[in-house]
Amino acid sequence: MNARSPDENAVVFVRWDRPRSYNGRLIGYTVESCAVNPDGTMEQRGACPIRQTKPNERFLKITNLENDRRYRFIVYGSTNAGRGDPNSKDIVTLPESMKLFRKQTKPNERFLKITNLESDRRYRFIVYGSTNAGRGDPNSKDIVTLPESMKLFRKSL
């Protein structure tokens, strides 16, 4: 998920699964966030910020990234035997003008009406459930609103 708080630059939430097999006792995970150049090459990997997590943590919020910039996030686990194979994913952070809207519904509500969307714009809706045990996996859908001319046509039907 890629989101931004009003008081921060771009923010990315990185989540990963446990390794399929362990080569020793899991010590923790390492997450690298590397800027990617327009030609697809990473900037100097040795200069990429590195964050460590505990073995039971599989989620990390990466803050103060540049807006509208491609990053490669590299995650690998470490055991007492050494570092595991890395997994990576490229993500483009949101542009500065992107707005984040968050609405929490009641447990029995399965419908939410969103109003005042701009015409001919792309929106991404992300829905997930929460319990006392934590947040479930997100489900997302991209929607493009109708152009203004189509809205007028629809009202006349």
Protein backbone atom coordinates (compact mmCIF):
# COMPACT_ATOMS: atom_id res chain seq x y z
CA MET A 1 0.00 0.00 0.00
CA ASN A 2 1.23 3.47 -0.83
CA ALA A 3 -0.13 6.33 1.29
CA ARG A 4 0.84 9.76 2.53
CA SER A 5 0.12 11.66 5.70
CA PRO A 6 -0.28 15.45 5.49
CA ASP A 7 2.81 15.98 7.66
CA GLU A 8 5.05 13.52 5.77
CA ASN A 9 6.46 13.06 2.31
CA ALA A 10 5.53 9.87 0.46
CA VAL A 11 5.00 6.77 2.62
CA VAL A 12 5.03 3.09 1.64
CA PHE A 13 3.86 0.17 3.78
CA VAL A 14 5.92 -2.98 3.12
CA ARG A 15 4.53 -6.38 4.12
CA TRP A 16 6.04 -9.82 3.55
CA ASP A 17 5.39 -13.49 4.28
CA ARG A 18 7.53 -15.80 6.37
CA PRO A 19 10.16 -17.84 4.51
CA ARG A 20 8.98 -21.23 3.26
CA SER A 21 11.91 -22.89 4.98
CA TYR A 22 14.43 -21.78 7.56
CA ASN A 23 18.15 -22.48 7.54
CA GLY A 24 18.49 -22.03 11.28
CA ARG A 25 16.80 -19.88 13.91
CA LEU A 26 15.21 -16.74 12.42
CA ILE A 27 16.89 -13.62 13.85
CA GLY A 28 14.92 -10.98 11.95
CA TYR A 29 14.30 -9.32 8.60
CA THR A 30 16.15 -6.64 6.67
CA VAL A 31 14.33 -4.17 4.42
CA GLU A 32 16.23 -1.99 1.95
CA SER A 33 14.56 0.92 0.13
CA CYS A 34 16.48 1.93 -2.99
CA ALA A 35 15.61 4.73 -5.40
CA VAL A 36 15.34 3.51 -9.02
CA ASN A 37 16.50 5.66 -11.93
CA PRO A 38 14.25 6.23 -15.00
CA ASP A 39 16.32 3.64 -16.93
CA GLY A 40 15.41 0.99 -14.31
CA THR A 41 18.81 0.84 -12.62
CA MET A 42 19.06 1.23 -8.86
CA GLU A 43 21.00 4.07 -7.38
CA GLN A 44 24.09 2.99 -5.44
CA ARG A 45 22.82 0.01 -3.41
CA GLY A 46 25.34 0.59 -0.64
CA ALA A 47 23.68 3.97 -0.01
CA CYS A 48 20.15 2.53 0.28
CA PRO A 49 18.59 2.96 3.74
CA ILE A 50 18.45 -0.34 5.63
CA ARG A 51 15.90 -1.13 8.35
CA GLN A 52 15.95 -4.17 10.63
CA THR A 53 12.92 -5.86 12.17
CA LYS A 54 12.38 -8.53 14.79
CA PRO A 55 11.56 -12.12 13.72
CA ASN A 56 7.83 -11.74 14.53
CA GLU A 57 7.47 -8.44 12.59
CA ARG A 58 6.43 -8.75 8.94
CA PHE A 59 5.26 -5.19 8.29
CA LEU A 60 7.17 -1.91 8.05
CA LYS A 61 6.18 1.69 7.37
CA ILE A 62 8.81 3.48 5.25
CA THR A 63 8.45 7.27 5.54
CA ASN A 64 9.81 10.45 4.00
CA LEU A 65 10.32 9.07 0.51
CA GLU A 66 10.18 11.36 -2.52
CA ASN A 67 6.77 11.84 -4.13
CA ASP A 68 6.19 10.35 -7.61
CA ARG A 69 9.43 8.34 -7.46
CA ARG A 70 10.15 4.67 -8.19
CA TYR A 71 11.68 2.65 -5.36
CA ARG A 72 12.81 -0.97 -5.12
CA PHE A 73 12.10 -2.58 -1.76
CA ILE A 74 14.30 -5.58 -0.99
CA VAL A 75 13.39 -7.89 1.91
CA TYR A 76 15.33 -10.85 3.24
CA GLY A 77 15.38 -12.86 6.42
CA SER A 78 18.42 -13.64 8.52
CA THR A 79 19.09 -16.71 10.63
CA ASN A 80 22.01 -17.75 12.79
CA ALA A 81 23.34 -19.43 9.59
CA GLY A 82 23.30 -16.19 7.55
CA ARG A 83 21.15 -14.15 5.17
CA GLY A 84 18.36 -15.70 3.09
CA ASP A 85 17.46 -15.07 -0.54
CA PRO A 86 16.13 -11.55 -1.14
CA ASN A 87 12.71 -10.74 -2.56
CA SER A 88 12.07 -7.36 -4.18
CA LYS A 89 9.22 -5.25 -5.51
CA ASP A 90 9.27 -1.92 -7.36
CA ILE A 91 6.74 0.69 -6.25
CA VAL A 92 6.05 4.23 -7.48
CA THR A 93 5.09 6.61 -4.68
CA LEU A 94 2.04 8.82 -5.02
CA PRO A 95 2.29 12.27 -6.59
CA GLU A 96 2.24 15.15 -4.15
CA SER A 97 -1.27 16.19 -5.16
CA MET A 98 -2.75 12.76 -4.36
CA LYS A 99 -5.28 12.79 -1.52
CA LEU A 100 -5.94 10.00 0.94
CA PHE A 101 -9.45 9.47 2.27
CA ARG A 102 -10.08 7.01 5.07
CA LYS A 103 -13.50 5.97 6.39
CA GLN A 104 -14.24 3.33 9.00
CA THR A 105 -17.63 1.66 8.88
CA LYS A 106 -19.59 -0.19 11.54
CA PRO A 107 -19.29 -4.01 11.60
CA ASN A 108 -22.75 -4.58 10.07
CA GLU A 109 -22.30 -2.00 7.25
CA ARG A 110 -21.42 -3.41 3.84
CA PHE A 111 -22.06 -0.27 1.79
CA LEU A 112 -20.35 3.11 1.74
CA LYS A 113 -21.43 5.97 -0.50
CA ILE A 114 -18.55 8.20 -1.61
CA THR A 115 -19.62 11.59 -2.95
CA ASN A 116 -17.99 14.68 -4.45
CA LEU A 117 -15.50 12.80 -6.63
CA GLU A 118 -14.00 14.72 -9.53
CA SER A 119 -15.07 13.91 -13.10
CA ASP A 120 -12.84 11.83 -15.37
CA ARG A 121 -10.41 10.89 -12.58
CA ARG A 122 -8.88 7.59 -11.54
CA TYR A 123 -9.45 6.48 -7.95
CA ARG A 124 -8.22 3.43 -6.10
CA PHE A 125 -10.49 2.02 -3.41
CA ILE A 126 -8.91 -0.27 -0.84
CA VAL A 127 -11.12 -2.20 1.57
CA TYR A 128 -10.06 -4.44 4.42
CA GLY A 129 -11.63 -5.87 7.53
CA SER A 130 -10.32 -5.55 11.07
CA THR A 131 -10.83 -7.67 14.15
CA ASN A 132 -9.25 -7.76 17.59
CA ALA A 133 -6.66 -10.09 16.04
CA GLY A 134 -5.58 -7.43 13.53
CA ARG A 135 -6.18 -6.21 10.00
CA GLY A 136 -7.09 -8.57 7.16
CA ASP A 137 -5.63 -8.59 3.67
CA PRO A 138 -6.67 -5.58 1.56
CA ASN A 139 -8.90 -5.85 -1.49
CA SER A 140 -8.52 -3.03 -4.03
CA LYS A 141 -10.26 -1.81 -7.17
CA ASP A 142 -9.35 1.02 -9.53
CA ILE A 143 -12.26 3.10 -10.81
CA VAL A 144 -12.41 5.95 -13.34
CA THR A 145 -15.26 8.41 -12.82
CA LEU A 146 -17.37 9.46 -15.78
CA PRO A 147 -16.46 12.56 -17.78
CA GLU A 148 -18.75 15.53 -17.15
CA SER A 149 -20.46 15.04 -20.54
CA MET A 150 -21.44 11.45 -19.65
CA LYS A 151 -22.89 12.52 -16.30
CA LEU A 152 -25.29 14.87 -18.07
CA PHE A 153 -26.32 12.10 -20.44
CA ARG A 154 -26.92 9.67 -17.60
CA LYS A 155 -29.19 12.10 -15.74
CA SER A 156 -31.46 12.44 -18.77
CA LEU A 157 -32.16 8.69 -18.97
